[in-house]
Amino acid sequence: RFQAVFLTSEQVYFGKITEVTKDTIKLENIYYLRNGQFDKSGNINAGTDVSLAKLGNELHGPDDVMYIERKNLEFWENLKNESQVVTAIKAYEKANQ
């Protein structure tokens, strides 16, 4: 199941939480919003164009895993399989098999 992970920096990542410790969470299969942002209540900021990007295609070439310190975590929530984000992730994964 995919989660939306909201950070105190107002960044949002989508992926699968695979490990939780008292200090960190481990997020894998990561996507993020490009040219759009969520506010702290989880709503998209009005007037922004949004696209979903897969982590790993950036110039610095990161691995598709992220360790997030819990002190930087605002909250996370599970996403429904029929959500627009999960639908877009599934379409991306199908096109890039």
PDB file of N, CA and C in Angstrom:
ATOM      1  N   ARG A   1       0.843  -1.181   0.000  1.00  0.00           N
ATOM      2  CA  ARG A   1       0.000   0.000   0.000  1.00  0.00           C
ATOM      3  C   ARG A   1       0.893   1.250   0.000  1.00  0.00           C
ATOM      4  N   PHE A   2       0.472   2.261  -0.714  1.00  0.00           N
ATOM      5  CA  PHE A   2       1.232   3.508  -0.782  1.00  0.00           C
ATOM      6  C   PHE A   2       0.813   4.465   0.328  1.00  0.00           C
ATOM      7  N   GLN A   3       1.785   5.264   0.772  1.00  0.00           N
ATOM      8  CA  GLN A   3       1.525   6.298   1.761  1.00  0.00           C
ATOM      9  C   GLN A   3       1.937   7.659   1.198  1.00  0.00           C
ATOM     10  N   ALA A   4       1.304   8.701   1.701  1.00  0.00           N
ATOM     11  CA  ALA A   4       1.732  10.074   1.478  1.00  0.00           C
ATOM     12  C   ALA A   4       2.440  10.495   2.761  1.00  0.00           C
ATOM     13  N   VAL A   5       3.678  10.975   2.613  1.00  0.00           N
ATOM     14  CA  VAL A   5       4.499  11.356   3.758  1.00  0.00           C
ATOM     15  C   VAL A   5       4.706  12.868   3.698  1.00  0.00           C
ATOM     16  N   PHE A   6       4.215  13.567   4.697  1.00  0.00           N
ATOM     17  CA  PHE A   6       4.284  15.021   4.759  1.00  0.00           C
ATOM     18  C   PHE A   6       5.388  15.416   5.738  1.00  0.00           C
ATOM     19  N   LEU A   7       6.334  16.221   5.270  1.00  0.00           N
ATOM     20  CA  LEU A   7       7.450  16.641   6.111  1.00  0.00           C
ATOM     21  C   LEU A   7       7.207  18.036   6.680  1.00  0.00           C
ATOM     22  N   THR A   8       7.924  18.366   7.739  1.00  0.00           N
ATOM     23  CA  THR A   8       7.799  19.678   8.352  1.00  0.00           C
ATOM     24  C   THR A   8       8.256  20.782   7.402  1.00  0.00           C
ATOM     25  N   SER A   9       9.061  20.442   6.399  1.00  0.00           N
ATOM     26  CA  SER A   9       9.524  21.406   5.394  1.00  0.00           C
ATOM     27  C   SER A   9       8.466  21.668   4.329  1.00  0.00           C
ATOM     28  N   GLU A  10       7.289  21.049   4.478  1.00  0.00           N
ATOM     29  CA  GLU A  10       6.162  21.132   3.547  1.00  0.00           C
ATOM     30  C   GLU A  10       6.384  20.341   2.256  1.00  0.00           C
ATOM     31  N   GLN A  11       7.423  19.516   2.211  1.00  0.00           N
ATOM     32  CA  GLN A  11       7.599  18.595   1.093  1.00  0.00           C
ATOM     33  C   GLN A  11       6.698  17.386   1.321  1.00  0.00           C
ATOM     34  N   VAL A  12       6.262  16.777   0.218  1.00  0.00           N
ATOM     35  CA  VAL A  12       5.429  15.586   0.288  1.00  0.00           C
ATOM     36  C   VAL A  12       6.044  14.523  -0.615  1.00  0.00           C
ATOM     37  N   TYR A  13       6.174  13.320  -0.079  1.00  0.00           N
ATOM     38  CA  TYR A  13       6.658  12.177  -0.857  1.00  0.00           C
ATOM     39  C   TYR A  13       5.605  11.092  -0.807  1.00  0.00           C
ATOM     40  N   PHE A  14       5.511  10.337  -1.892  1.00  0.00           N
ATOM     41  CA  PHE A  14       4.601   9.207  -1.981  1.00  0.00           C
ATOM     42  C   PHE A  14       5.444   7.961  -2.169  1.00  0.00           C
ATOM     43  N   GLY A  15       5.134   6.926  -1.437  1.00  0.00           N
ATOM     44  CA  GLY A  15       5.897   5.693  -1.556  1.00  0.00           C
ATOM     45  C   GLY A  15       5.360   4.670  -0.587  1.00  0.00           C
ATOM     46  N   LYS A  16       6.209   3.693  -0.296  1.00  0.00           N
ATOM     47  CA  LYS A  16       5.831   2.635   0.632  1.00  0.00           C
ATOM     48  C   LYS A  16       6.751   2.691   1.842  1.00  0.00           C
ATOM     49  N   ILE A  17       6.153   2.886   3.007  1.00  0.00           N
ATOM     50  CA  ILE A  17       6.921   2.850   4.248  1.00  0.00           C
ATOM     51  C   ILE A  17       7.227   1.385   4.538  1.00  0.00           C
ATOM     52  N   THR A  18       8.522   1.063   4.590  1.00  0.00           N
ATOM     53  CA  THR A  18       8.922  -0.332   4.765  1.00  0.00           C
ATOM     54  C   THR A  18       9.534  -0.606   6.124  1.00  0.00           C
ATOM     55  N   GLU A  19       9.817   0.461   6.870  1.00  0.00           N
ATOM     56  CA  GLU A  19      10.406   0.274   8.196  1.00  0.00           C
ATOM     57  C   GLU A  19      10.143   1.525   9.035  1.00  0.00           C
ATOM     58  N   VAL A  20       9.814   1.309  10.290  1.00  0.00           N
ATOM     59  CA  VAL A  20       9.602   2.412  11.223  1.00  0.00           C
ATOM     60  C   VAL A  20      10.389   2.099  12.485  1.00  0.00           C
ATOM     61  N   THR A  21      11.240   3.046  12.891  1.00  0.00           N
ATOM     62  CA  THR A  21      11.945   2.931  14.168  1.00  0.00           C
ATOM     63  C   THR A  21      11.563   4.134  15.021  1.00  0.00           C
ATOM     64  N   LYS A  22      12.109   4.208  16.207  1.00  0.00           N
ATOM     65  CA  LYS A  22      11.786   5.352  17.060  1.00  0.00           C
ATOM     66  C   LYS A  22      12.373   6.642  16.513  1.00  0.00           C
ATOM     67  N   ASP A  23      13.399   6.565  15.649  1.00  0.00           N
ATOM     68  CA  ASP A  23      14.061   7.760  15.132  1.00  0.00           C
ATOM     69  C   ASP A  23      13.807   8.040  13.653  1.00  0.00           C
ATOM     70  N   THR A  24      13.528   7.005  12.864  1.00  0.00           N
ATOM     71  CA  THR A  24      13.410   7.189  11.409  1.00  0.00           C
ATOM     72  C   THR A  24      12.282   6.352  10.835  1.00  0.00           C
ATOM     73  N   ILE A  25      11.879   6.728   9.617  1.00  0.00           N
ATOM     74  CA  ILE A  25      11.061   5.844   8.791  1.00  0.00           C
ATOM     75  C   ILE A  25      11.826   5.627   7.491  1.00  0.00           C
ATOM     76  N   LYS A  26      11.647   4.462   6.902  1.00  0.00           N
ATOM     77  CA  LYS A  26      12.274   4.131   5.628  1.00  0.00           C
ATOM     78  C   LYS A  26      11.181   4.125   4.559  1.00  0.00           C
ATOM     79  N   LEU A  27      11.388   4.924   3.519  1.00  0.00           N
ATOM     80  CA  LEU A  27      10.421   5.041   2.428  1.00  0.00           C
ATOM     81  C   LEU A  27      11.064   4.524   1.154  1.00  0.00           C
ATOM     82  N   GLU A  28      10.349   3.664   0.423  1.00  0.00           N
ATOM     83  CA  GLU A  28      10.853   3.107  -0.834  1.00  0.00           C
ATOM     84  C   GLU A  28       9.809   3.279  -1.935  1.00  0.00           C
ATOM     85  N   ASN A  29      10.250   3.073  -3.182  1.00  0.00           N
ATOM     86  CA  ASN A  29       9.381   3.250  -4.349  1.00  0.00           C
ATOM     87  C   ASN A  29       8.775   4.653  -4.311  1.00  0.00           C
ATOM     88  N   ILE A  30       9.637   5.649  -4.355  1.00  0.00           N
ATOM     89  CA  ILE A  30       9.299   7.030  -4.018  1.00  0.00           C
ATOM     90  C   ILE A  30       8.953   7.874  -5.244  1.00  0.00           C
ATOM     91  N   TYR A  31       7.905   8.676  -5.076  1.00  0.00           N
ATOM     92  CA  TYR A  31       7.477   9.672  -6.055  1.00  0.00           C
ATOM     93  C   TYR A  31       7.271  10.988  -5.322  1.00  0.00           C
ATOM     94  N   TYR A  32       7.321  12.077  -6.055  1.00  0.00           N
ATOM     95  CA  TYR A  32       7.084  13.385  -5.445  1.00  0.00           C
ATOM     96  C   TYR A  32       6.429  14.292  -6.471  1.00  0.00           C
ATOM     97  N   LEU A  33       5.882  15.398  -5.980  1.00  0.00           N
ATOM     98  CA  LEU A  33       5.223  16.361  -6.850  1.00  0.00           C
ATOM     99  C   LEU A  33       6.238  17.333  -7.420  1.00  0.00           C
ATOM    100  N   ARG A  34       6.097  17.604  -8.686  1.00  0.00           N
ATOM    101  CA  ARG A  34       6.935  18.593  -9.349  1.00  0.00           C
ATOM    102  C   ARG A  34       6.034  19.758  -9.753  1.00  0.00           C
ATOM    103  N   ASN A  35       6.455  20.977  -9.488  1.00  0.00           N
ATOM    104  CA  ASN A  35       5.710  22.198  -9.839  1.00  0.00           C
ATOM    105  C   ASN A  35       4.344  22.258  -9.185  1.00  0.00           C
ATOM    106  N   GLY A  36       4.258  21.808  -7.973  1.00  0.00           N
ATOM    107  CA  GLY A  36       3.029  21.901  -7.214  1.00  0.00           C
ATOM    108  C   GLY A  36       3.315  21.495  -5.781  1.00  0.00           C
ATOM    109  N   GLN A  37       2.532  21.975  -4.862  1.00  0.00           N
ATOM    110  CA  GLN A  37       2.774  21.660  -3.465  1.00  0.00           C
ATOM    111  C   GLN A  37       1.464  21.467  -2.725  1.00  0.00           C
ATOM    112  N   PHE A  38       1.547  20.676  -1.675  1.00  0.00           N
ATOM    113  CA  PHE A  38       0.436  20.528  -0.747  1.00  0.00           C
ATOM    114  C   PHE A  38       0.639  21.485   0.412  1.00  0.00           C
ATOM    115  N   ASP A  39      -0.451  21.935   0.986  1.00  0.00           N
ATOM    116  CA  ASP A  39      -0.318  22.696   2.221  1.00  0.00           C
ATOM    117  C   ASP A  39      -0.337  21.721   3.398  1.00  0.00           C
ATOM    118  N   LYS A  40      -0.207  22.242   4.604  1.00  0.00           N
ATOM    119  CA  LYS A  40      -0.081  21.369   5.776  1.00  0.00           C
ATOM    120  C   LYS A  40      -1.328  20.555   6.072  1.00  0.00           C
ATOM    121  N   SER A  41      -2.470  20.926   5.518  1.00  0.00           N
ATOM    122  CA  SER A  41      -3.677  20.135   5.742  1.00  0.00           C
ATOM    123  C   SER A  41      -3.898  19.110   4.638  1.00  0.00           C
ATOM    124  N   GLY A  42      -2.921  18.981   3.719  1.00  0.00           N
ATOM    125  CA  GLY A  42      -2.997  17.946   2.698  1.00  0.00           C
ATOM    126  C   GLY A  42      -3.704  18.356   1.435  1.00  0.00           C
ATOM    127  N   ASN A  43      -4.046  19.634   1.275  1.00  0.00           N
ATOM    128  CA  ASN A  43      -4.719  20.110   0.071  1.00  0.00           C
ATOM    129  C   ASN A  43      -3.706  20.706  -0.891  1.00  0.00           C
ATOM    130  N   ILE A  44      -3.937  20.505  -2.175  1.00  0.00           N
ATOM    131  CA  ILE A  44      -3.045  21.082  -3.187  1.00  0.00           C
ATOM    132  C   ILE A  44      -3.223  22.593  -3.213  1.00  0.00           C
ATOM    133  N   ASN A  45      -2.130  23.311  -3.303  1.00  0.00           N
ATOM    134  CA  ASN A  45      -2.204  24.770  -3.386  1.00  0.00           C
ATOM    135  C   ASN A  45      -2.844  25.159  -4.709  1.00  0.00           C
ATOM    136  N   ALA A  46      -3.819  26.030  -4.650  1.00  0.00           N
ATOM    137  CA  ALA A  46      -4.573  26.440  -5.836  1.00  0.00           C
ATOM    138  C   ALA A  46      -3.663  27.133  -6.844  1.00  0.00           C
ATOM    139  N   GLY A  47      -3.935  26.907  -8.115  1.00  0.00           N
ATOM    140  CA  GLY A  47      -3.208  27.600  -9.175  1.00  0.00           C
ATOM    141  C   GLY A  47      -1.857  27.007  -9.498  1.00  0.00           C
ATOM    142  N   THR A  48      -1.564  25.795  -9.022  1.00  0.00           N
ATOM    143  CA  THR A  48      -0.276  25.186  -9.335  1.00  0.00           C
ATOM    144  C   THR A  48      -0.472  24.010 -10.286  1.00  0.00           C
ATOM    145  N   ASP A  49       0.408  23.926 -11.281  1.00  0.00           N
ATOM    146  CA  ASP A  49       0.424  22.768 -12.171  1.00  0.00           C
ATOM    147  C   ASP A  49       1.193  21.661 -11.474  1.00  0.00           C
ATOM    148  N   VAL A  50       0.658  20.469 -11.505  1.00  0.00           N
ATOM    149  CA  VAL A  50       1.234  19.363 -10.759  1.00  0.00           C
ATOM    150  C   VAL A  50       1.567  18.218 -11.693  1.00  0.00           C
ATOM    151  N   SER A  51       2.748  17.643 -11.496  1.00  0.00           N
ATOM    152  CA  SER A  51       3.081  16.384 -12.145  1.00  0.00           C
ATOM    153  C   SER A  51       3.804  15.512 -11.135  1.00  0.00           C
ATOM    154  N   LEU A  52       3.713  14.225 -11.320  1.00  0.00           N
ATOM    155  CA  LEU A  52       4.334  13.273 -10.419  1.00  0.00           C
ATOM    156  C   LEU A  52       5.670  12.854 -11.014  1.00  0.00           C
ATOM    157  N   ALA A  53       6.726  12.868 -10.212  1.00  0.00           N
ATOM    158  CA  ALA A  53       8.061  12.493 -10.667  1.00  0.00           C
ATOM    159  C   ALA A  53       8.555  11.310  -9.849  1.00  0.00           C
ATOM    160  N   LYS A  54       9.290  10.414 -10.494  1.00  0.00           N
ATOM    161  CA  LYS A  54       9.876   9.250  -9.837  1.00  0.00           C
ATOM    162  C   LYS A  54      11.246   9.625  -9.287  1.00  0.00           C
ATOM    163  N   LEU A  55      11.494   9.335  -8.018  1.00  0.00           N
ATOM    164  CA  LEU A  55      12.806   9.593  -7.438  1.00  0.00           C
ATOM    165  C   LEU A  55      13.840   8.683  -8.098  1.00  0.00           C
ATOM    166  N   GLY A  56      14.982   9.252  -8.411  1.00  0.00           N
ATOM    167  CA  GLY A  56      16.071   8.480  -9.002  1.00  0.00           C
ATOM    168  C   GLY A  56      16.517   9.019 -10.335  1.00  0.00           C
ATOM    169  N   ASN A  57      15.683   9.858 -10.959  1.00  0.00           N
ATOM    170  CA  ASN A  57      16.006  10.405 -12.273  1.00  0.00           C
ATOM    171  C   ASN A  57      16.673  11.780 -12.181  1.00  0.00           C
ATOM    172  N   GLU A  58      16.972  12.246 -10.967  1.00  0.00           N
ATOM    173  CA  GLU A  58      17.579  13.554 -10.781  1.00  0.00           C
ATOM    174  C   GLU A  58      19.060  13.512 -11.142  1.00  0.00           C
ATOM    175  N   LEU A  59      19.656  14.672 -11.293  1.00  0.00           N
ATOM    176  CA  LEU A  59      21.057  14.813 -11.687  1.00  0.00           C
ATOM    177  C   LEU A  59      21.997  14.052 -10.762  1.00  0.00           C
ATOM    178  N   HIS A  60      21.733  14.081  -9.471  1.00  0.00           N
ATOM    179  CA  HIS A  60      22.632  13.416  -8.520  1.00  0.00           C
ATOM    180  C   HIS A  60      22.392  11.910  -8.415  1.00  0.00           C
ATOM    181  N   GLY A  61      21.365  11.382  -9.078  1.00  0.00           N
ATOM    182  CA  GLY A  61      21.118   9.950  -9.182  1.00  0.00           C
ATOM    183  C   GLY A  61      20.919   9.217  -7.870  1.00  0.00           C
ATOM    184  N   PRO A  62      19.957   9.632  -7.041  1.00  0.00           N
ATOM    185  CA  PRO A  62      19.760   8.942  -5.758  1.00  0.00           C
ATOM    186  C   PRO A  62      19.146   7.553  -5.936  1.00  0.00           C
ATOM    187  N   ASP A  63      19.423   6.679  -4.969  1.00  0.00           N
ATOM    188  CA  ASP A  63      18.733   5.394  -4.899  1.00  0.00           C
ATOM    189  C   ASP A  63      17.278   5.647  -4.548  1.00  0.00           C
ATOM    190  N   ASP A  64      16.446   4.674  -4.834  1.00  0.00           N
ATOM    191  CA  ASP A  64      15.014   4.795  -4.596  1.00  0.00           C
ATOM    192  C   ASP A  64      14.659   4.373  -3.174  1.00  0.00           C
ATOM    193  N   VAL A  65      15.353   4.955  -2.217  1.00  0.00           N
ATOM    194  CA  VAL A  65      15.092   4.714  -0.796  1.00  0.00           C
ATOM    195  C   VAL A  65      15.440   5.994  -0.044  1.00  0.00           C
ATOM    196  N   MET A  66      14.659   6.278   0.985  1.00  0.00           N
ATOM    197  CA  MET A  66      14.867   7.491   1.757  1.00  0.00           C
ATOM    198  C   MET A  66      14.662   7.155   3.234  1.00  0.00           C
ATOM    199  N   TYR A  67      15.590   7.636   4.053  1.00  0.00           N
ATOM    200  CA  TYR A  67      15.469   7.499   5.494  1.00  0.00           C
ATOM    201  C   TYR A  67      15.125   8.877   6.047  1.00  0.00           C
ATOM    202  N   ILE A  68      13.971   9.002   6.644  1.00  0.00           N
ATOM    203  CA  ILE A  68      13.473  10.292   7.106  1.00  0.00           C
ATOM    204  C   ILE A  68      13.490  10.297   8.624  1.00  0.00           C
ATOM    205  N   GLU A  69      14.147  11.306   9.192  1.00  0.00           N
ATOM    206  CA  GLU A  69      14.130  11.438  10.645  1.00  0.00           C
ATOM    207  C   GLU A  69      12.726  11.809  11.092  1.00  0.00           C
ATOM    208  N   ARG A  70      12.256  11.149  12.120  1.00  0.00           N
ATOM    209  CA  ARG A  70      10.878  11.379  12.570  1.00  0.00           C
ATOM    210  C   ARG A  70      10.662  12.799  13.064  1.00  0.00           C
ATOM    211  N   LYS A  71      11.722  13.471  13.501  1.00  0.00           N
ATOM    212  CA  LYS A  71      11.562  14.867  13.935  1.00  0.00           C
ATOM    213  C   LYS A  71      11.227  15.772  12.749  1.00  0.00           C
ATOM    214  N   ASN A  72      11.485  15.312  11.519  1.00  0.00           N
ATOM    215  CA  ASN A  72      11.170  16.075  10.310  1.00  0.00           C
ATOM    216  C   ASN A  72       9.854  15.653   9.680  1.00  0.00           C
ATOM    217  N   LEU A  73       9.147  14.776  10.345  1.00  0.00           N
ATOM    218  CA  LEU A  73       7.902  14.209   9.830  1.00  0.00           C
ATOM    219  C   LEU A  73       6.709  14.925  10.449  1.00  0.00           C
ATOM    220  N   GLU A  74       5.848  15.467   9.597  1.00  0.00           N
ATOM    221  CA  GLU A  74       4.604  16.084  10.077  1.00  0.00           C
ATOM    222  C   GLU A  74       3.576  14.981  10.337  1.00  0.00           C
ATOM    223  N   PHE A  75       3.312  14.159   9.296  1.00  0.00           N
ATOM    224  CA  PHE A  75       2.417  13.014   9.419  1.00  0.00           C
ATOM    225  C   PHE A  75       2.498  12.183   8.147  1.00  0.00           C
ATOM    226  N   TRP A  76       1.909  10.994   8.180  1.00  0.00           N
ATOM    227  CA  TRP A  76       1.734  10.203   6.967  1.00  0.00           C
ATOM    228  C   TRP A  76       0.344   9.620   6.977  1.00  0.00           C
ATOM    229  N   GLU A  77      -0.123   9.284   5.770  1.00  0.00           N
ATOM    230  CA  GLU A  77      -1.445   8.671   5.651  1.00  0.00           C
ATOM    231  C   GLU A  77      -1.422   7.645   4.538  1.00  0.00           C
ATOM    232  N   ASN A  78      -2.245   6.612   4.697  1.00  0.00           N
ATOM    233  CA  ASN A  78      -2.376   5.590   3.663  1.00  0.00           C
ATOM    234  C   ASN A  78      -3.221   6.128   2.524  1.00  0.00           C
ATOM    235  N   LEU A  79      -2.855   5.750   1.303  1.00  0.00           N
ATOM    236  CA  LEU A  79      -3.593   6.186   0.119  1.00  0.00           C
ATOM    237  C   LEU A  79      -4.512   5.068  -0.362  1.00  0.00           C
ATOM    238  N   LYS A  80      -5.691   5.448  -0.810  1.00  0.00           N
ATOM    239  CA  LYS A  80      -6.618   4.487  -1.405  1.00  0.00           C
ATOM    240  C   LYS A  80      -6.077   4.042  -2.757  1.00  0.00           C
ATOM    241  N   ASN A  81      -6.357   2.809  -3.138  1.00  0.00           N
ATOM    242  CA  ASN A  81      -5.902   2.292  -4.434  1.00  0.00           C
ATOM    243  C   ASN A  81      -6.471   3.077  -5.604  1.00  0.00           C
ATOM    244  N   GLU A  82      -7.635   3.693  -5.409  1.00  0.00           N
ATOM    245  CA  GLU A  82      -8.260   4.451  -6.501  1.00  0.00           C
ATOM    246  C   GLU A  82      -7.915   5.941  -6.467  1.00  0.00           C
ATOM    247  N   SER A  83      -6.993   6.354  -5.593  1.00  0.00           N
ATOM    248  CA  SER A  83      -6.608   7.770  -5.548  1.00  0.00           C
ATOM    249  C   SER A  83      -5.907   8.165  -6.848  1.00  0.00           C
ATOM    250  N   GLN A  84      -5.932   9.442  -7.162  1.00  0.00           N
ATOM    251  CA  GLN A  84      -5.282   9.922  -8.382  1.00  0.00           C
ATOM    252  C   GLN A  84      -3.781   9.667  -8.355  1.00  0.00           C
ATOM    253  N   VAL A  85      -3.167   9.789  -7.188  1.00  0.00           N
ATOM    254  CA  VAL A  85      -1.726   9.553  -7.080  1.00  0.00           C
ATOM    255  C   VAL A  85      -1.403   8.086  -7.348  1.00  0.00           C
ATOM    256  N   VAL A  86      -2.101   7.173  -6.707  1.00  0.00           N
ATOM    257  CA  VAL A  86      -1.838   5.741  -6.907  1.00  0.00           C
ATOM    258  C   VAL A  86      -2.133   5.337  -8.348  1.00  0.00           C
ATOM    259  N   THR A  87      -3.198   5.871  -8.924  1.00  0.00           N
ATOM    260  CA  THR A  87      -3.515   5.597 -10.333  1.00  0.00           C
ATOM    261  C   THR A  87      -2.377   6.059 -11.241  1.00  0.00           C
ATOM    262  N   ALA A  88      -1.814   7.243 -10.972  1.00  0.00           N
ATOM    263  CA  ALA A  88      -0.695   7.757 -11.770  1.00  0.00           C
ATOM    264  C   ALA A  88       0.563   6.910 -11.570  1.00  0.00           C
ATOM    265  N   ILE A  89       0.818   6.462 -10.350  1.00  0.00           N
ATOM    266  CA  ILE A  89       1.976   5.602 -10.084  1.00  0.00           C
ATOM    267  C   ILE A  89       1.841   4.287 -10.836  1.00  0.00           C
ATOM    268  N   LYS A  90       0.668   3.681 -10.789  1.00  0.00           N
ATOM    269  CA  LYS A  90       0.443   2.407 -11.487  1.00  0.00           C
ATOM    270  C   LYS A  90       0.621   2.576 -12.994  1.00  0.00           C
ATOM    271  N   ALA A  91       0.144   3.683 -13.547  1.00  0.00           N
ATOM    272  CA  ALA A  91       0.313   3.943 -14.979  1.00  0.00           C
ATOM    273  C   ALA A  91       1.788   4.107 -15.321  1.00  0.00           C
ATOM    274  N   TYR A  92       2.540   4.813 -14.485  1.00  0.00           N
ATOM    275  CA  TYR A  92       3.976   4.997 -14.702  1.00  0.00           C
ATOM    276  C   TYR A  92       4.693   3.648 -14.660  1.00  0.00           C
ATOM    277  N   GLU A  93       4.364   2.840 -13.647  1.00  0.00           N
ATOM    278  CA  GLU A  93       5.028   1.539 -13.490  1.00  0.00           C
ATOM    279  C   GLU A  93       4.710   0.622 -14.663  1.00  0.00           C
ATOM    280  N   LYS A  94       3.481   0.648 -15.140  1.00  0.00           N
ATOM    281  CA  LYS A  94       3.090  -0.191 -16.282  1.00  0.00           C
ATOM    282  C   LYS A  94       3.840   0.245 -17.546  1.00  0.00           C
ATOM    283  N   ALA A  95       3.982   1.540 -17.757  1.00  0.00           N
ATOM    284  CA  ALA A  95       4.662   2.066 -18.940  1.00  0.00           C
ATOM    285  C   ALA A  95       6.175   1.845 -18.882  1.00  0.00           C
ATOM    286  N   ASN A  96       6.731   1.619 -17.689  1.00  0.00           N
ATOM    287  CA  ASN A  96       8.180   1.505 -17.523  1.00  0.00           C
ATOM    288  C   ASN A  96       8.628   0.144 -17.024  1.00  0.00           C
ATOM    289  N   GLN A  97       7.862  -0.895 -17.352  1.00  0.00           N
ATOM    290  CA  GLN A  97       8.216  -2.256 -16.929  1.00  0.00           C
ATOM    291  C   GLN A  97       9.396  -2.767 -17.722  1.00  0.00           C
TER     292      GLN A  97
END
